[in-house]
């Protein structure tokens, strides 16, 4: 009796110990996902919710998101990069460019007239990140990076057709390099977060702003301006801004292998490319909203844009000098970024 009972007791004890030691494999993990958009925005509807649904399904319900839209988790957009690094948030999507000068390597894609496809820009940015910029995100696992669709000029009372038309205009732009571009073109750049734009346009604090079509419908910005100036598609976009989808590294490291695989399967180069394609495909809806309202659209011709390209050349020189001053091979980095954009260029 005793010889049978003892092994049984030992087995029971081992089973209990095993059960106590394995809650991470069996229990649900809730990821706090903090971002900048309202729930109606394209990114909320077409990227964030589908990603959360997909990882939940592929993990058998073990990975779930607690989505915190429009900075409802606290803090400001520029603080998201630190919130995810420090583990205050588990997942974020943000723009490194919100923190001027902190991410000089990735800023190369925010120089003017670099790319005219978010899909190509996403693939280029991912490859470039692996080579040059991962060290800019300590404590962080970057799941994806991309640029948005082409940025255009939107003004309330005066249409921009030539560089001279910028004179006297107070214009908002999202990043340091784009503000420098506005100053180069003759405008007065005004810094402010995205949610502040509607009130600033309504009150005349700014005369207009640079934005892609994608973001305008969710804030009804097409209803606050009369003029929308696009750029000839044969030339690179006036500007782009870089996004990162980032996870707290310690949170990722704490996951069991099966859940890490779910995250890995929903991140990386191809995922980044698919997100870029989402941004490219979002242009039509925003553009249609402006047309339906009766806004006046104008395409700035290639010959005029060439003048703008020449005027903005000092921004490249300045970026190279600044980044070289930080001990990085800036000329090679710029060339690599251009080569990658050419490699992944999407025919229009």
Protein backbone atom coordinates (compact mmCIF):
# COMPACT_ATOMS: atom_id res chain seq x y z
CA UNK A 1 0.00 0.00 0.00
CA UNK A 2 2.74 2.37 1.02
CA UNK A 3 4.87 1.54 -2.02
CA UNK A 4 1.97 2.42 -4.29
CA UNK A 5 0.82 5.50 -2.40
CA UNK A 6 4.24 7.23 -2.29
CA UNK A 7 4.77 7.32 -6.07
CA UNK A 8 1.21 8.49 -6.49
CA UNK A 9 1.76 11.28 -4.01
CA UNK A 10 4.98 12.24 -5.74
CA UNK A 11 3.22 12.32 -9.09
CA UNK A 12 0.44 14.46 -7.65
CA UNK A 13 2.98 16.83 -6.15
CA UNK A 14 4.84 17.09 -9.46
CA UNK A 15 1.60 17.77 -11.31
CA UNK A 16 0.64 20.48 -8.86
CA UNK A 17 4.08 22.08 -9.10
CA UNK A 18 3.91 21.93 -12.88
CA UNK A 19 0.48 23.53 -12.88
CA UNK A 20 1.65 26.32 -10.58
CA UNK A 21 4.76 26.95 -12.66
CA UNK A 22 2.92 27.27 -15.98
CA UNK A 23 0.33 30.04 -15.68
CA UNK A 24 2.12 32.14 -18.32
CA UNK A 25 1.46 29.44 -20.90
CA UNK A 26 -2.20 29.07 -20.13
CA UNK A 27 -3.45 32.42 -18.96
CA UNK A 28 -4.49 35.35 -21.09
CA UNK A 29 -2.06 38.21 -21.67
CA UNK A 30 -3.61 41.65 -22.11
CA UNK A 31 -1.49 44.14 -24.05
CA UNK A 32 -2.11 47.81 -23.40
CA UNK A 33 -2.11 49.36 -26.89
CA UNK A 34 -1.82 53.16 -26.80
CA UNK A 35 -2.01 55.35 -29.88
CA UNK A 36 -2.74 58.82 -31.25
CA UNK A 37 -5.86 58.36 -33.41
CA UNK A 38 -9.54 58.60 -32.60
CA UNK A 39 -11.58 55.39 -33.03
CA UNK A 40 -12.97 56.55 -36.40
CA UNK A 41 -9.56 57.13 -37.99
CA UNK A 42 -8.34 54.95 -40.83
CA UNK A 43 -5.53 53.51 -38.73
CA UNK A 44 -7.90 52.57 -35.91
CA UNK A 45 -10.35 50.83 -38.23
CA UNK A 46 -8.04 49.26 -40.82
CA UNK A 47 -4.86 48.55 -38.87
CA UNK A 48 -5.11 48.52 -35.09
CA UNK A 49 -8.38 46.64 -34.54
CA UNK A 50 -7.66 44.06 -37.27
CA UNK A 51 -4.16 43.45 -35.86
CA UNK A 52 -5.57 42.90 -32.37
CA UNK A 53 -8.28 40.61 -33.72
CA UNK A 54 -5.73 38.60 -35.69
CA UNK A 55 -3.29 38.04 -32.81
CA UNK A 56 -6.21 37.11 -30.54
CA UNK A 57 -7.40 34.50 -33.04
CA UNK A 58 -3.95 33.09 -33.77
CA UNK A 59 -3.14 32.82 -30.06
CA UNK A 60 -6.38 31.00 -29.28
CA UNK A 61 -7.56 33.97 -27.26
CA UNK A 62 -4.44 34.14 -25.09
CA UNK A 63 -3.28 37.52 -26.48
CA UNK A 64 -5.73 40.36 -26.16
CA UNK A 65 -5.47 44.12 -26.63
CA UNK A 66 -6.70 46.85 -24.35
CA UNK A 67 -6.89 49.61 -26.96
CA UNK A 68 -6.38 53.16 -25.69
CA UNK A 69 -7.18 55.52 -28.61
CA UNK A 70 -6.45 59.24 -28.91
CA UNK A 71 -3.95 59.29 -26.04
CA UNK A 72 -6.66 58.22 -23.59
CA UNK A 73 -4.04 56.36 -21.57
CA UNK A 74 -2.43 59.65 -20.56
CA UNK A 75 0.60 61.63 -21.61
CA UNK A 76 1.28 63.27 -24.95
CA UNK A 77 2.17 61.85 -28.40
CA UNK A 78 5.90 62.68 -28.03
CA UNK A 79 5.95 60.67 -24.78
CA UNK A 80 4.80 57.42 -26.40
CA UNK A 81 8.33 56.37 -27.34
CA UNK A 82 9.34 56.51 -23.67
CA UNK A 83 6.09 55.03 -22.39
CA UNK A 84 6.62 51.87 -24.40
CA UNK A 85 10.35 51.73 -23.57
CA UNK A 86 9.59 52.04 -19.85
CA UNK A 87 6.71 49.55 -19.91
CA UNK A 88 3.97 52.05 -19.11
CA UNK A 89 2.41 50.89 -22.40
CA UNK A 90 2.91 47.48 -23.97
CA UNK A 91 2.28 48.55 -27.57
CA UNK A 92 2.27 51.96 -29.26
CA UNK A 93 2.12 53.46 -32.71
CA UNK A 94 3.69 56.87 -32.93
CA UNK A 95 5.91 59.14 -34.99
CA UNK A 96 9.55 59.38 -33.87
CA UNK A 97 9.55 62.80 -35.54
CA UNK A 98 7.31 64.13 -32.77
CA UNK A 99 10.49 64.23 -30.68
CA UNK A 100 12.63 66.59 -32.73
CA UNK A 101 16.22 65.46 -33.22
CA UNK A 102 16.01 62.37 -31.00
CA UNK A 103 15.91 59.85 -33.84
CA UNK A 104 18.30 61.32 -36.41
CA UNK A 105 18.90 58.07 -38.30
CA UNK A 106 15.22 57.43 -39.09
CA UNK A 107 14.73 61.11 -39.87
CA UNK A 108 16.31 60.55 -43.28
CA UNK A 109 12.88 59.49 -44.61
CA UNK A 110 11.41 62.81 -43.45
CA UNK A 111 13.67 64.85 -45.68
CA UNK A 112 11.69 66.47 -48.50
CA UNK A 113 11.14 64.80 -51.86
CA UNK A 114 12.30 61.34 -50.80
CA UNK A 115 9.44 59.00 -51.67
CA UNK A 116 6.06 58.90 -53.36
CA UNK A 117 4.80 55.49 -52.23
CA UNK A 118 4.04 54.52 -48.66
CA UNK A 119 4.36 50.86 -49.64
CA UNK A 120 7.88 51.32 -51.02
CA UNK A 121 8.75 53.65 -48.17
CA UNK A 122 7.71 51.03 -45.64
CA UNK A 123 9.94 48.32 -47.11
CA UNK A 124 12.85 50.75 -47.42
CA UNK A 125 12.38 52.04 -43.89
CA UNK A 126 12.29 48.50 -42.44
CA UNK A 127 15.52 47.45 -44.15
CA UNK A 128 17.21 50.70 -43.22
CA UNK A 129 16.05 50.38 -39.59
CA UNK A 130 17.76 46.99 -39.27
CA UNK A 131 21.05 48.40 -40.53
CA UNK A 132 21.22 51.81 -38.92
CA UNK A 133 18.52 52.67 -36.42
CA UNK A 134 17.62 49.84 -34.02
CA UNK A 135 19.95 51.36 -31.45
CA UNK A 136 17.74 54.46 -31.42
CA UNK A 137 15.00 52.39 -29.73
CA UNK A 138 16.52 50.80 -26.59
CA UNK A 139 14.20 48.65 -24.51
CA UNK A 140 11.84 48.47 -27.48
CA UNK A 141 10.99 45.81 -30.04
CA UNK A 142 9.99 47.55 -33.27
CA UNK A 143 7.28 45.44 -34.90
CA UNK A 144 6.89 47.58 -38.02
CA UNK A 145 7.84 50.90 -39.53
CA UNK A 146 6.39 52.79 -42.48
CA UNK A 147 5.75 56.21 -43.96
CA UNK A 148 2.37 57.69 -44.77
CA UNK A 149 0.92 58.46 -48.19
CA UNK A 150 2.03 61.63 -49.97
CA UNK A 151 1.79 64.83 -47.96
CA UNK A 152 -0.01 67.74 -49.62
CA UNK A 153 -0.78 71.41 -48.96
CA UNK A 154 -4.16 72.44 -47.57
CA UNK A 155 -5.03 76.12 -47.10
CA UNK A 156 -8.04 78.09 -45.96
CA UNK A 157 -8.04 81.31 -47.96
CA UNK A 158 -5.16 81.28 -50.45
CA UNK A 159 -4.25 78.56 -52.92
CA UNK A 160 -0.61 77.54 -53.21
CA UNK A 161 0.46 77.10 -56.83
CA UNK A 162 4.03 78.37 -56.73
CA UNK A 163 6.75 78.75 -54.14
CA UNK A 164 5.99 82.48 -53.95
CA UNK A 165 2.50 81.70 -52.67
CA UNK A 166 3.92 80.45 -49.37
CA UNK A 167 5.04 83.94 -48.41
CA UNK A 168 3.11 85.21 -45.40
CA UNK A 169 1.34 81.91 -44.70
CA UNK A 170 1.41 80.39 -41.23
CA UNK A 171 1.56 76.64 -41.86
CA UNK A 172 1.55 73.59 -39.60
CA UNK A 173 3.70 70.55 -40.33
CA UNK A 174 4.29 67.36 -38.32
CA UNK A 175 8.08 67.03 -38.11
CA UNK A 176 11.25 69.05 -37.72
CA UNK A 177 12.38 68.50 -41.30
CA UNK A 178 8.99 69.47 -42.70
CA UNK A 179 8.98 72.65 -40.65
CA UNK A 180 12.42 73.42 -42.05
CA UNK A 181 11.04 72.81 -45.54
CA UNK A 182 8.19 75.27 -44.97
CA UNK A 183 10.64 77.93 -43.83
CA UNK A 184 12.81 77.27 -46.89
CA UNK A 185 9.80 77.69 -49.17
CA UNK A 186 8.87 81.01 -47.54
CA UNK A 187 6.12 80.09 -45.06
CA UNK A 188 6.12 80.58 -41.30
CA UNK A 189 6.09 77.11 -39.69
CA UNK A 190 3.90 76.60 -36.63
CA UNK A 191 4.35 73.56 -34.44
CA UNK A 192 1.32 71.87 -32.87
CA UNK A 193 -0.07 68.36 -32.36
CA UNK A 194 -2.52 66.94 -34.87
CA UNK A 195 -5.66 67.28 -32.68
CA UNK A 196 -5.05 71.03 -32.34
CA UNK A 197 -5.27 71.70 -36.09
CA UNK A 198 -9.08 72.10 -36.44
CA UNK A 199 -9.28 74.78 -33.75
CA UNK A 200 -6.15 76.53 -35.06
CA UNK A 201 -7.53 76.72 -38.61
CA UNK A 202 -10.96 77.86 -37.40
CA UNK A 203 -9.46 80.67 -35.33
CA UNK A 204 -6.95 81.71 -37.98
CA UNK A 205 -3.98 80.78 -35.83
CA UNK A 206 -2.71 78.99 -38.92
CA UNK A 207 -3.57 79.53 -42.58
CA UNK A 208 -3.16 75.89 -43.49
CA UNK A 209 -1.22 72.71 -42.96
CA UNK A 210 0.71 69.92 -44.64
CA UNK A 211 -1.01 66.54 -44.34
CA UNK A 212 -1.72 63.40 -46.34
CA UNK A 213 -5.30 62.73 -47.43
CA UNK A 214 -5.58 59.75 -45.09
CA UNK A 215 -5.92 61.63 -41.83
CA UNK A 216 -8.22 64.44 -42.94
CA UNK A 217 -11.70 62.84 -42.89
CA UNK A 218 -11.50 61.69 -39.26
CA UNK A 219 -10.90 65.28 -38.11
CA UNK A 220 -13.14 66.79 -40.84
CA UNK A 221 -10.23 68.97 -41.89
CA UNK A 222 -11.42 69.06 -45.50
CA UNK A 223 -14.37 71.10 -44.23
CA UNK A 224 -12.08 73.77 -42.77
CA UNK A 225 -10.06 74.58 -45.90
CA UNK A 226 -10.99 75.60 -49.41
CA UNK A 227 -7.82 74.75 -51.31
CA UNK A 228 -5.88 71.51 -51.64
CA UNK A 229 -2.63 71.54 -53.62
CA UNK A 230 -1.30 68.17 -54.71
CA UNK A 231 2.06 67.50 -56.33
CA UNK A 232 2.78 66.04 -59.75
CA UNK A 233 3.05 62.27 -59.27
CA UNK A 234 6.14 62.13 -61.49
CA UNK A 235 8.06 63.75 -58.63
CA UNK A 236 8.61 62.42 -55.10
CA UNK A 237 6.21 63.61 -52.44
CA UNK A 238 6.64 66.99 -50.80
CA UNK A 239 7.23 65.19 -47.52
CA UNK A 240 6.62 61.98 -45.58
CA UNK A 241 6.66 61.17 -41.89
CA UNK A 242 7.89 57.95 -40.29
CA UNK A 243 5.73 55.77 -38.03
CA UNK A 244 6.85 53.00 -35.71
CA UNK A 245 4.74 50.21 -34.25
CA UNK A 246 6.63 49.29 -31.12
CA UNK A 247 6.37 46.82 -28.23
CA UNK A 248 8.00 46.92 -24.85
CA UNK A 249 10.95 44.54 -25.12
CA UNK A 250 10.57 43.15 -21.61
CA UNK A 251 6.90 42.40 -22.25
CA UNK A 252 7.79 40.53 -25.43
CA UNK A 253 10.58 38.64 -23.64
CA UNK A 254 8.12 37.57 -20.92
CA UNK A 255 5.87 35.77 -23.40
CA UNK A 256 6.09 32.01 -23.89
CA UNK A 257 7.48 30.87 -27.26
CA UNK A 258 4.06 30.18 -28.79
CA UNK A 259 2.88 33.74 -28.11
CA UNK A 260 6.17 35.27 -29.25
CA UNK A 261 5.60 33.44 -32.53
CA UNK A 262 2.18 35.05 -32.91
CA UNK A 263 3.76 38.49 -32.48
CA UNK A 264 6.59 37.59 -34.86
CA UNK A 265 4.12 36.34 -37.47
CA UNK A 266 2.35 39.71 -37.36
CA UNK A 267 5.37 41.98 -37.62
CA UNK A 268 8.43 42.53 -39.79
CA UNK A 269 9.21 43.48 -43.38
CA UNK A 270 6.15 42.12 -45.15
CA UNK A 271 3.83 43.38 -42.43
CA UNK A 272 5.41 46.84 -42.71
CA UNK A 273 4.86 46.77 -46.47
CA UNK A 274 1.20 45.83 -46.01
CA UNK A 275 0.73 48.77 -43.64
CA UNK A 276 2.32 51.13 -46.16
CA UNK A 277 -0.10 49.81 -48.77
CA UNK A 278 -2.99 50.58 -46.40
CA UNK A 279 -1.85 54.21 -46.32
CA UNK A 280 -1.51 54.37 -50.11
CA UNK A 281 -5.00 52.94 -50.53
CA UNK A 282 -6.45 55.43 -48.06
CA UNK A 283 -5.84 58.44 -50.30
CA UNK A 284 -8.96 58.10 -52.42
CA UNK A 285 -11.47 58.43 -49.57
CA UNK A 286 -9.91 61.61 -48.19
CA UNK A 287 -9.59 63.14 -51.63
CA UNK A 288 -13.19 62.31 -52.52
CA UNK A 289 -14.43 63.98 -49.32
CA UNK A 290 -12.70 67.23 -50.35
CA UNK A 291 -14.07 67.05 -53.89
CA UNK A 292 -17.60 66.31 -52.67
CA UNK A 293 -17.45 69.36 -50.43
CA UNK A 294 -16.44 71.54 -53.38
CA UNK A 295 -12.85 72.22 -52.44
CA UNK A 296 -10.59 73.57 -55.20
CA UNK A 297 -7.87 71.04 -56.07
CA UNK A 298 -4.73 71.94 -57.99
CA UNK A 299 -1.75 69.86 -59.08
CA UNK A 300 1.57 71.66 -58.80
CA UNK A 301 3.43 70.88 -62.06
CA UNK A 302 6.75 69.06 -62.17
CA UNK A 303 8.65 72.10 -63.48
CA UNK A 304 7.54 74.17 -60.48
CA UNK A 305 8.34 71.36 -58.07
CA UNK A 306 11.86 71.21 -59.43
CA UNK A 307 12.33 74.75 -58.09
CA UNK A 308 11.22 73.53 -54.68
CA UNK A 309 13.63 70.59 -54.83
CA UNK A 310 16.51 72.95 -55.53
CA UNK A 311 15.44 75.28 -52.73
CA UNK A 312 15.31 72.41 -50.24
CA UNK A 313 18.79 71.06 -51.04
CA UNK A 314 20.33 72.70 -47.93
CA UNK A 315 18.15 70.46 -45.74
CA UNK A 316 20.03 67.42 -47.01
CA UNK A 317 23.36 69.10 -46.38
CA UNK A 318 22.25 70.06 -42.88
CA UNK A 319 21.04 66.55 -42.03
CA UNK A 320 24.29 64.99 -43.24
CA UNK A 321 26.38 67.43 -41.19
CA UNK A 322 24.29 66.88 -38.06
CA UNK A 323 24.31 63.09 -38.28
CA UNK A 324 28.03 62.94 -39.13
CA UNK A 325 28.55 65.06 -36.02
CA UNK A 326 27.00 62.22 -34.02
CA UNK A 327 29.56 59.79 -35.42
CA UNK A 328 27.38 58.12 -38.02
CA UNK A 329 28.13 57.62 -41.74
CA UNK A 330 25.44 60.05 -42.86
CA UNK A 331 26.34 60.24 -46.55
CA UNK A 332 26.19 56.47 -46.86
CA UNK A 333 22.97 56.37 -44.82
CA UNK A 334 21.32 58.89 -47.13
CA UNK A 335 22.48 57.00 -50.20
CA UNK A 336 21.27 53.69 -48.75
CA UNK A 337 17.85 55.20 -48.04
CA UNK A 338 17.60 56.47 -51.62
CA UNK A 339 18.78 53.14 -53.03
CA UNK A 340 16.25 51.21 -50.96
CA UNK A 341 13.44 53.50 -52.08
CA UNK A 342 14.47 52.93 -55.69
CA UNK A 343 14.69 49.17 -55.10
CA UNK A 344 11.15 48.97 -53.75
CA UNK A 345 9.62 51.65 -55.96
CA UNK A 346 6.01 50.94 -56.85
CA UNK A 347 4.93 51.88 -60.38
CA UNK A 348 2.11 54.42 -60.49
